[in-house]
Amino acid sequence: MAPPEFYDRYPGLNPAVWKPLMFPSSSNDSGQAENTRSEQTADELARIARIRSVVAVAVEGVDIAGQDKGKRRGGNSDFALPCGVQREDGTVEFPEQERAGASAEQLHKASEMFRLNLISKARRQASCAVYARKCSCENGHEYFRRYYCKNRYCSNPGCGARLFFDLFDKYTGLESVAASIVPNWENRPRRKPLPGEFVMAKLDITIINTGWMPTSGEVRQFNRDVRKLFRVAEKDWKLTFPKRVKRDGKMVPDRDPRPGDYGVIWTDEFGGRATRPGRVGNTNLHCHAIYCGPCIPHAWWKENWARIRGDGSRRVSTKVARSFRGGLYHSLKYAGKFLTHDPVRLAELELAFNRVRRVHTMGAFYNAVRPQPESPESVSPRCPQCGGAMFDPTGPLCSVRILEFTGRRDFEAARREAGRTRIFQGVSDG
């Protein structure tokens, strides 16, 4: 029997209140008993109908009868994470993650994300870098590999920052495409580009600050408007780019990029300067882009952006980029640069970009990143101690503290330490 406080919180589970559904017996012993059972059945059916209506409202119109019609993605019990505990005052705590060593800042952000209904991401945030899985090499050396939440605004060094480096490495592969669109850009004349000349430019496109954090739907609408702006540029300035055709089941360009084509890549962001009393950061939604193609006058960008938005937004900044990598860093830098470590602000940003793509490409840059062949080290990393092949992590997630207590080492930390040792030994030998 559970304590009374439990039944006060979950009255539907109280055996003193809940009664099983009574159906009339097939045998007709007495008419009075039959009528009693029928009345009891009607009352129970009415009670169940009321419960179903309340549950339907609670899940915001989800079709209860048709929940199982669609395919459900299979899970892996090895990655099961502890849930949070919601208190009477509405706050959420993660006692298991706190016991495992999660920082106060990390738990605060997870609590704010849970409050914003990002429940799954909140559980991942609270568990980031404090749980790990066991791994070993072919010679028996034992390590562990940490679990990372992969949330975009995670402040753990091995998680959020790593996403930025992965993005930058991925889109650096567009440098050869940009060189084909704007050939010999490094040796360009040191003057202001003229309309029609091929340029690499940095664009900042901004909308009016409404004073509140845009929803994910408003961020999607902003990206649709940016895309519409470049579609208008294609029509007005006769911009071209390689079309995509399907070959061998894959979408590939029908030709190589050439001078006269255009390509653009942009990233959504909010400003870091505080403009709200008592709050960190601001609500100024904008994007940073690098544009490669024919030079378009600044007045054209402002006029057409104002016409597309229709809400008074006119601010578009254009600057010449020194190189493609410099412009790419301008476009992606805020994806890896946390302007604040305030947990409430980071939770707001997670909500604004929830299920929203932040990096967008168009023109010759769209789907033009060719997959690079993986190195043997990335496919099968080597043991830092003996150089033997490492096996994939196995087993369920476990607290890092427990794994360290049993004598296992962090695999990534061991690799970095072995690399530094090799470098210093090479310097001393030389």
Protein backbone atom coordinates (compact mmCIF):
# COMPACT_ATOMS: atom_id res chain seq x y z
CA MET A 1 0.00 0.00 0.00
CA ALA A 2 1.41 3.37 -1.04
CA PRO A 3 1.41 6.37 1.35
CA PRO A 4 -1.63 8.70 1.34
CA GLU A 5 0.38 11.49 -0.33
CA PHE A 6 0.84 9.25 -3.39
CA TYR A 7 -2.89 8.74 -3.80
CA ASP A 8 -3.53 12.47 -3.29
CA ARG A 9 -1.32 13.11 -6.31
CA TYR A 10 -2.59 10.13 -8.35
CA PRO A 11 -6.18 9.51 -7.24
CA GLY A 12 -6.85 7.27 -10.23
CA LEU A 13 -4.51 4.63 -8.76
CA ASN A 14 -6.22 4.51 -5.36
CA PRO A 15 -7.78 1.03 -4.91
CA ALA A 16 -10.33 2.54 -2.55
CA VAL A 17 -11.65 4.72 -5.38
CA TRP A 18 -10.97 2.63 -8.48
CA LYS A 19 -13.31 -0.32 -9.15
CA PRO A 20 -13.05 -2.87 -11.94
CA LEU A 21 -15.56 -2.68 -14.74
CA MET A 22 -18.57 -4.87 -13.90
CA PHE A 23 -20.35 -6.69 -16.70
CA PRO A 24 -23.67 -8.54 -16.29
CA SER A 25 -23.48 -12.28 -15.90
CA SER A 26 -24.79 -14.55 -18.63
CA SER A 27 -26.99 -16.35 -16.14
CA ASN A 28 -30.16 -14.57 -15.05
CA ASP A 29 -30.33 -15.40 -11.33
CA SER A 30 -32.66 -12.56 -10.45
CA GLY A 31 -34.05 -9.54 -12.20
CA GLN A 32 -32.96 -7.26 -9.36
CA ALA A 33 -29.33 -8.38 -9.60
CA GLU A 34 -29.42 -7.93 -13.36
CA ASN A 35 -30.72 -4.36 -13.06
CA THR A 36 -28.10 -3.55 -10.42
CA ARG A 37 -25.30 -4.80 -12.65
CA SER A 38 -26.67 -2.87 -15.64
CA GLU A 39 -26.83 0.37 -13.67
CA GLN A 40 -23.31 -0.29 -12.37
CA THR A 41 -22.07 -0.91 -15.89
CA ALA A 42 -23.64 2.30 -17.19
CA ASP A 43 -22.04 4.32 -14.38
CA GLU A 44 -18.62 2.79 -15.08
CA LEU A 45 -18.89 3.43 -18.82
CA ALA A 46 -19.83 7.05 -18.18
CA ARG A 47 -16.88 7.43 -15.82
CA ILE A 48 -14.49 5.95 -18.41
CA ALA A 49 -15.88 8.29 -21.07
CA ARG A 50 -15.21 11.30 -18.83
CA ILE A 51 -11.65 10.08 -18.18
CA ARG A 52 -11.03 9.63 -21.91
CA SER A 53 -12.26 13.15 -22.62
CA VAL A 54 -9.97 14.59 -19.95
CA VAL A 55 -6.99 12.64 -21.29
CA ALA A 56 -7.78 13.78 -24.84
CA VAL A 57 -7.69 17.42 -23.71
CA ALA A 58 -4.48 16.82 -21.76
CA VAL A 59 -2.66 15.53 -24.82
CA GLU A 60 -3.99 18.39 -26.95
CA GLY A 61 -6.21 16.54 -29.31
CA VAL A 62 -4.17 13.38 -29.89
CA ASP A 63 -6.32 10.60 -31.32
CA ILE A 64 -6.17 7.98 -28.58
CA ALA A 65 -7.80 5.28 -30.67
CA GLY A 66 -5.33 5.78 -33.52
CA GLN A 67 -2.09 6.16 -31.62
CA ASP A 68 -0.71 2.80 -32.73
CA LYS A 69 -1.45 3.20 -36.44
CA GLY A 70 1.86 4.80 -37.38
CA LYS A 71 5.27 3.22 -37.20
CA ARG A 72 7.19 3.83 -34.01
CA ARG A 73 10.96 4.16 -34.04
CA GLY A 74 12.56 1.35 -32.12
CA GLY A 75 14.65 2.33 -29.12
CA ASN A 76 17.78 0.90 -27.58
CA SER A 77 17.56 0.08 -23.89
CA ASP A 78 21.33 0.55 -23.55
CA PHE A 79 20.78 4.31 -23.88
CA ALA A 80 17.97 4.57 -21.32
CA LEU A 81 18.42 7.72 -19.22
CA PRO A 82 17.06 8.53 -15.75
CA CYS A 83 13.96 10.73 -15.70
CA GLY A 84 13.48 13.97 -13.82
CA VAL A 85 11.29 14.49 -10.75
CA GLN A 86 8.76 17.32 -10.79
CA ARG A 87 8.14 18.97 -7.43
CA GLU A 88 4.94 20.54 -6.12
CA ASP A 89 6.17 24.05 -6.99
CA GLY A 90 6.68 23.06 -10.63
CA THR A 91 10.47 22.82 -10.54
CA VAL A 92 12.16 19.75 -11.94
CA GLU A 93 15.10 17.96 -10.38
CA PHE A 94 17.35 15.25 -11.74
CA PRO A 95 18.61 13.46 -8.62
CA GLU A 96 20.30 10.57 -10.45
CA GLN A 97 22.26 12.92 -12.72
CA GLU A 98 23.18 15.13 -9.77
CA ARG A 99 24.46 12.09 -7.92
CA ALA A 100 26.45 11.12 -11.02
CA GLY A 101 28.27 14.47 -11.01
CA ALA A 102 26.28 16.81 -13.29
CA SER A 103 27.10 20.50 -12.72
CA ALA A 104 24.58 22.93 -11.23
CA GLU A 105 24.53 24.94 -14.46
CA GLN A 106 23.82 21.82 -16.50
CA LEU A 107 20.97 20.75 -14.20
CA HIS A 108 19.50 24.27 -14.17
CA LYS A 109 19.39 24.36 -17.95
CA ALA A 110 17.81 20.90 -18.06
CA SER A 111 15.14 22.05 -15.59
CA GLU A 112 14.36 25.09 -17.74
CA MET A 113 14.15 22.93 -20.87
CA PHE A 114 11.74 20.58 -19.08
CA ARG A 115 9.61 23.58 -18.13
CA LEU A 116 9.52 24.58 -21.82
CA ASN A 117 8.23 21.07 -22.67
CA LEU A 118 11.53 19.90 -24.18
CA ILE A 119 11.33 16.82 -22.00
CA SER A 120 13.51 14.42 -23.98
CA LYS A 121 16.19 17.03 -24.65
CA ALA A 122 16.13 18.03 -20.98
CA ARG A 123 16.85 14.46 -19.90
CA ARG A 124 19.70 14.26 -22.41
CA GLN A 125 21.08 17.62 -21.24
CA ALA A 126 21.10 16.56 -17.60
CA SER A 127 22.88 13.31 -18.51
CA CYS A 128 25.48 14.83 -20.85
CA ALA A 129 29.07 13.73 -20.12
CA VAL A 130 28.20 12.17 -16.74
CA TYR A 131 27.29 8.76 -18.19
CA ALA A 132 29.38 6.51 -20.41
CA ARG A 133 29.59 3.06 -21.96
CA LYS A 134 32.37 0.52 -21.55
CA CYS A 135 34.84 -0.22 -24.34
CA SER A 136 38.09 -2.13 -24.63
CA CYS A 137 40.80 -2.99 -27.14
CA GLU A 138 41.78 -6.34 -28.57
CA ASN A 139 44.52 -6.67 -25.95
CA GLY A 140 42.21 -6.13 -23.00
CA HIS A 141 42.88 -2.48 -22.09
CA GLU A 142 39.65 -1.07 -20.66
CA TYR A 143 38.20 2.43 -21.22
CA PHE A 144 34.87 4.18 -21.36
CA ARG A 145 33.31 6.61 -23.86
CA ARG A 146 31.17 9.42 -22.57
CA TYR A 147 27.58 10.00 -23.65
CA TYR A 148 26.91 13.45 -25.16
CA CYS A 149 23.47 15.04 -25.54
CA LYS A 150 24.24 16.78 -28.90
CA ASN A 151 22.01 19.72 -28.00
CA ARG A 152 23.01 22.76 -30.03
CA TYR A 153 23.59 25.02 -27.05
CA CYS A 154 25.22 22.54 -24.71
CA SER A 155 28.02 24.23 -22.78
CA ASN A 156 30.00 21.04 -22.15
CA PRO A 157 33.34 21.40 -24.01
CA GLY A 158 33.14 18.03 -25.75
CA CYS A 159 29.54 18.44 -26.93
CA GLY A 160 28.28 21.83 -28.20
CA ALA A 161 31.66 23.07 -29.42
CA ARG A 162 32.26 19.78 -31.24
CA LEU A 163 29.08 20.33 -33.28
CA PHE A 164 30.50 23.62 -34.56
CA PHE A 165 33.79 22.04 -35.63
CA ASP A 166 31.91 19.26 -37.39
CA LEU A 167 29.81 21.84 -39.26
CA PHE A 168 32.83 23.89 -40.24
CA ASP A 169 34.73 20.82 -41.47
CA LYS A 170 31.69 19.70 -43.45
CA TYR A 171 31.07 22.97 -45.29
CA THR A 172 34.76 23.67 -45.87
CA GLY A 173 34.31 21.11 -48.65
CA LEU A 174 32.43 23.83 -50.58
CA GLU A 175 35.65 25.80 -51.05
CA SER A 176 36.36 24.19 -54.43
CA VAL A 177 32.82 25.05 -55.58
CA ALA A 178 33.29 28.68 -54.50
CA ALA A 179 36.63 28.82 -56.37
CA SER A 180 34.85 27.68 -59.55
CA ILE A 181 32.13 30.33 -59.16
CA VAL A 182 34.52 33.18 -58.28
CA PRO A 183 37.89 32.27 -59.83
CA ASN A 184 41.10 33.94 -58.69
CA TRP A 185 39.35 35.81 -55.86
CA GLU A 186 42.53 36.21 -53.80
CA ASN A 187 44.10 38.30 -56.59
CA ARG A 188 41.08 40.56 -57.11
CA PRO A 189 41.49 44.36 -57.52
CA ARG A 190 41.48 46.18 -54.17
CA ARG A 191 38.44 48.30 -54.89
CA LYS A 192 34.70 48.22 -54.44
CA PRO A 193 33.15 45.52 -56.65
CA LEU A 194 31.01 46.73 -59.53
CA PRO A 195 27.55 45.32 -60.35
CA GLY A 196 27.91 42.15 -62.39
CA GLU A 197 31.42 41.28 -61.19
CA PHE A 198 31.92 38.00 -59.35
CA VAL A 199 32.30 38.44 -55.59
CA MET A 200 32.42 36.63 -52.29
CA ALA A 201 30.34 38.67 -49.86
CA LYS A 202 29.14 38.45 -46.27
CA LEU A 203 25.42 39.16 -45.83
CA ASP A 204 23.57 39.88 -42.58
CA ILE A 205 19.78 39.78 -42.98
CA THR A 206 17.66 41.01 -40.06
CA ILE A 207 13.99 41.38 -39.18
CA ILE A 208 12.32 43.82 -36.82
CA ASN A 209 12.80 43.00 -33.15
CA THR A 210 9.37 42.18 -31.76
CA GLY A 211 10.50 42.13 -28.13
CA TRP A 212 9.69 38.46 -27.54
CA MET A 213 11.47 35.25 -28.47
CA PRO A 214 10.20 33.97 -31.83
CA THR A 215 8.68 30.52 -31.91
CA SER A 216 10.08 27.73 -34.04
CA GLY A 217 7.31 28.40 -36.56
CA GLU A 218 8.36 32.05 -36.87
CA VAL A 219 11.98 30.97 -37.38
CA ARG A 220 10.85 28.65 -40.19
CA GLN A 221 8.92 31.52 -41.79
CA PHE A 222 12.03 33.70 -41.59
CA ASN A 223 14.02 31.04 -43.45
CA ARG A 224 11.30 30.74 -46.09
CA ASP A 225 11.49 34.50 -46.63
CA VAL A 226 15.28 34.38 -46.97
CA ARG A 227 14.92 31.60 -49.50
CA LYS A 228 12.32 33.65 -51.38
CA LEU A 229 14.75 36.60 -51.46
CA PHE A 230 17.35 34.54 -53.31
CA ARG A 231 14.72 33.13 -55.65
CA VAL A 232 13.86 36.69 -56.62
CA ALA A 233 17.57 37.37 -57.15
CA GLU A 234 17.75 34.37 -59.47
CA LYS A 235 14.97 35.85 -61.58
CA ASP A 236 16.08 39.50 -61.57
CA TRP A 237 19.82 38.92 -62.05
CA LYS A 238 19.64 35.75 -64.15
CA LEU A 239 21.56 33.73 -61.56
CA THR A 240 22.30 30.14 -62.55
CA PHE A 241 23.45 27.04 -60.74
CA PRO A 242 23.86 23.33 -61.54
CA LYS A 243 20.54 21.53 -61.50
CA ARG A 244 20.14 18.31 -59.57
CA VAL A 245 19.30 15.10 -61.42
CA LYS A 246 18.81 11.60 -60.16
CA ARG A 247 21.51 9.14 -61.14
CA ASP A 248 21.89 5.67 -59.67
CA GLY A 249 19.35 6.57 -57.01
CA LYS A 250 21.24 9.71 -55.89
CA MET A 251 20.68 13.41 -56.58
CA VAL A 252 23.82 14.81 -58.23
CA PRO A 253 24.61 18.04 -60.18
CA ASP A 254 24.08 17.80 -63.92
CA ARG A 255 27.28 19.80 -64.56
CA ASP A 256 30.24 21.36 -62.77
CA PRO A 257 29.91 24.89 -61.30
CA ARG A 258 31.23 27.71 -63.46
CA PRO A 259 31.66 31.51 -63.34
CA GLY A 260 28.25 33.16 -63.41
CA ASP A 261 26.67 30.63 -61.07
CA TYR A 262 25.84 31.53 -57.50
CA GLY A 263 25.82 29.79 -54.14
CA VAL A 264 24.83 30.90 -50.64
CA ILE A 265 24.96 29.42 -47.16
CA TRP A 266 23.40 31.05 -44.10
CA THR A 267 22.91 30.37 -40.39
CA ASP A 268 20.17 31.70 -38.08
CA GLU A 269 21.12 33.44 -34.86
CA PHE A 270 20.00 35.76 -32.05
CA GLY A 271 22.01 38.66 -30.69
CA GLY A 272 23.89 38.45 -27.42
CA ARG A 273 23.45 42.03 -26.22
CA ALA A 274 20.93 42.25 -23.38
CA THR A 275 17.92 44.42 -24.30
CA ARG A 276 15.30 42.99 -21.91
CA PRO A 277 15.22 44.09 -18.25
CA GLY A 278 16.42 41.28 -16.05
CA ARG A 279 17.00 38.89 -18.95
CA VAL A 280 20.15 37.80 -20.77
CA GLY A 281 20.43 38.17 -24.55
CA ASN A 282 17.92 39.70 -26.93
CA THR A 283 15.22 38.59 -29.36
CA ASN A 284 16.76 39.97 -32.56
CA LEU A 285 16.42 37.12 -35.09
CA HIS A 286 18.83 37.42 -38.03
CA CYS A 287 21.07 35.31 -40.22
CA HIS A 288 24.71 35.45 -41.32
CA ALA A 289 25.43 34.35 -44.88
CA ILE A 290 28.26 34.02 -47.35
CA TYR A 291 27.24 34.71 -50.93
CA CYS A 292 29.32 33.78 -53.99
CA GLY A 293 28.22 35.02 -57.38
CA PRO A 294 27.58 38.19 -59.41
CA CYS A 295 27.68 41.41 -57.40
CA ILE A 296 24.19 42.75 -56.56
CA PRO A 297 23.74 46.36 -55.37
CA HIS A 298 23.01 46.86 -51.69
CA ALA A 299 19.88 48.89 -52.45
CA TRP A 300 18.36 45.92 -54.27
CA TRP A 301 18.78 43.67 -51.22
CA LYS A 302 17.12 46.20 -48.90
CA GLU A 303 14.22 46.98 -51.22
CA ASN A 304 13.30 43.38 -51.97
CA TRP A 305 13.77 42.21 -48.38
CA ALA A 306 11.34 44.91 -47.22
CA ARG A 307 8.84 43.89 -49.90
CA ILE A 308 9.04 40.19 -49.01
CA ARG A 309 8.70 40.70 -45.27
CA GLY A 310 6.05 43.41 -45.39
CA ASP A 311 6.52 44.27 -41.70
CA GLY A 312 9.00 47.12 -42.01
CA SER A 313 12.14 44.96 -42.02
CA ARG A 314 14.73 46.57 -44.29
CA ARG A 315 18.11 45.91 -42.69
CA VAL A 316 20.55 44.00 -44.90
CA SER A 317 24.30 44.39 -44.47
CA THR A 318 26.74 43.50 -47.27
CA LYS A 319 30.52 43.31 -46.94
CA VAL A 320 33.27 41.84 -49.07
CA ALA A 321 34.73 38.59 -47.73
CA ARG A 322 38.50 38.22 -47.85
CA SER A 323 38.26 34.49 -48.51
CA PHE A 324 35.69 31.73 -48.58
CA ARG A 325 36.86 30.32 -45.25
CA GLY A 326 36.67 33.75 -43.67
CA GLY A 327 33.10 34.18 -44.93
CA LEU A 328 32.20 30.65 -43.85
CA TYR A 329 33.48 31.36 -40.36
CA HIS A 330 31.38 34.54 -40.34
CA SER A 331 28.34 32.45 -41.27
CA LEU A 332 28.90 29.62 -38.80
CA LYS A 333 30.75 31.21 -35.90
CA TYR A 334 27.67 31.82 -33.75
CA ALA A 335 26.77 28.14 -34.05
CA GLY A 336 29.79 27.42 -31.87
CA LYS A 337 30.22 30.67 -29.94
CA PHE A 338 28.12 30.86 -26.78
CA LEU A 339 27.53 34.52 -26.04
CA THR A 340 26.31 33.58 -22.57
CA HIS A 341 26.33 30.66 -20.17
CA ASP A 342 23.04 31.64 -18.55
CA PRO A 343 20.95 28.43 -18.36
CA VAL A 344 17.64 30.24 -18.90
CA ARG A 345 18.92 31.93 -22.07
CA LEU A 346 20.36 28.71 -23.44
CA ALA A 347 17.04 26.93 -22.82
CA GLU A 348 15.25 29.72 -24.73
CA LEU A 349 17.55 29.21 -27.70
CA GLU A 350 17.00 25.45 -27.61
CA LEU A 351 13.24 26.05 -27.79
CA ALA A 352 13.45 28.59 -30.62
CA PHE A 353 15.49 26.20 -32.79
CA ASN A 354 13.70 23.01 -31.75
CA ARG A 355 13.19 20.89 -34.88
CA VAL A 356 14.45 23.77 -37.04
CA ARG A 357 17.39 23.56 -39.40
CA ARG A 358 19.90 26.30 -38.61
CA VAL A 359 22.28 25.97 -41.58
CA HIS A 360 20.80 26.41 -45.07
CA THR A 361 22.30 26.26 -48.56
CA MET A 362 21.04 27.29 -51.99
CA GLY A 363 22.28 27.45 -55.55
CA ALA A 364 25.54 25.70 -56.34
CA PHE A 365 26.13 25.02 -52.63
CA TYR A 366 22.95 22.98 -52.21
CA ASN A 367 23.75 19.32 -51.58
CA ALA A 368 27.22 19.88 -53.06
CA VAL A 369 29.28 18.63 -50.12
CA ARG A 370 30.82 15.40 -51.25
CA PRO A 371 31.33 12.76 -48.58
CA GLN A 372 34.98 12.41 -47.69
CA PRO A 373 36.45 8.91 -47.36
CA GLU A 374 36.84 8.01 -43.73
CA SER A 375 40.33 7.45 -42.45
CA PRO A 376 41.18 4.08 -40.88
CA GLU A 377 41.72 5.87 -37.55
CA SER A 378 38.17 7.29 -37.55
CA VAL A 379 36.63 3.96 -38.59
CA SER A 380 38.55 1.90 -36.04
CA PRO A 381 40.49 4.01 -33.52
CA ARG A 382 43.60 2.58 -31.95
CA CYS A 383 44.25 1.90 -28.31
CA PRO A 384 46.32 4.72 -26.74
CA GLN A 385 48.42 2.21 -24.78
CA CYS A 386 49.22 -0.60 -27.22
CA GLY A 387 47.94 0.59 -30.61
CA GLY A 388 45.55 -2.34 -30.90
CA ALA A 389 42.12 -2.11 -32.53
CA MET A 390 39.32 -0.80 -30.32
CA PHE A 391 35.97 -2.54 -30.09
CA ASP A 392 32.71 -0.60 -30.19
CA PRO A 393 31.21 0.46 -26.83
CA THR A 394 28.90 -2.13 -25.35
CA GLY A 395 26.44 -2.42 -22.49
CA PRO A 396 24.14 0.12 -20.87
CA LEU A 397 25.08 3.63 -19.82
CA CYS A 398 26.76 3.82 -16.45
CA SER A 399 27.92 6.65 -14.21
CA VAL A 400 31.39 7.94 -15.09
CA ARG A 401 32.24 8.02 -11.39
CA ILE A 402 31.57 4.31 -11.06
CA LEU A 403 33.58 3.48 -14.17
CA GLU A 404 36.52 5.55 -12.91
CA PHE A 405 36.26 3.84 -9.53
CA THR A 406 36.59 0.44 -11.23
CA GLY A 407 39.83 1.56 -12.90
CA ARG A 408 38.64 2.43 -16.40
CA ARG A 409 39.93 5.56 -18.17
CA ASP A 410 38.24 8.07 -20.43
CA PHE A 411 39.16 6.99 -23.96
CA GLU A 412 39.27 10.51 -25.44
CA ALA A 413 41.34 11.84 -22.54
CA ALA A 414 43.75 8.90 -22.90
CA ARG A 415 44.13 9.62 -26.63
CA ARG A 416 44.93 13.28 -26.00
CA GLU A 417 47.44 12.38 -23.30
CA ALA A 418 49.15 9.81 -25.57
CA GLY A 419 49.31 12.35 -28.39
CA ARG A 420 50.94 14.98 -26.17
CA THR A 421 53.42 12.40 -24.94
CA ARG A 422 54.41 11.49 -28.49
CA ILE A 423 54.85 15.15 -29.42
CA PHE A 424 57.04 15.96 -26.42
CA GLN A 425 59.10 12.82 -26.93
CA GLY A 426 59.65 13.80 -30.58
CA VAL A 427 60.75 17.29 -29.58
CA SER A 428 63.18 15.97 -26.95
CA ASP A 429 64.59 13.36 -29.34
CA GLY A 430 65.11 16.01 -31.99
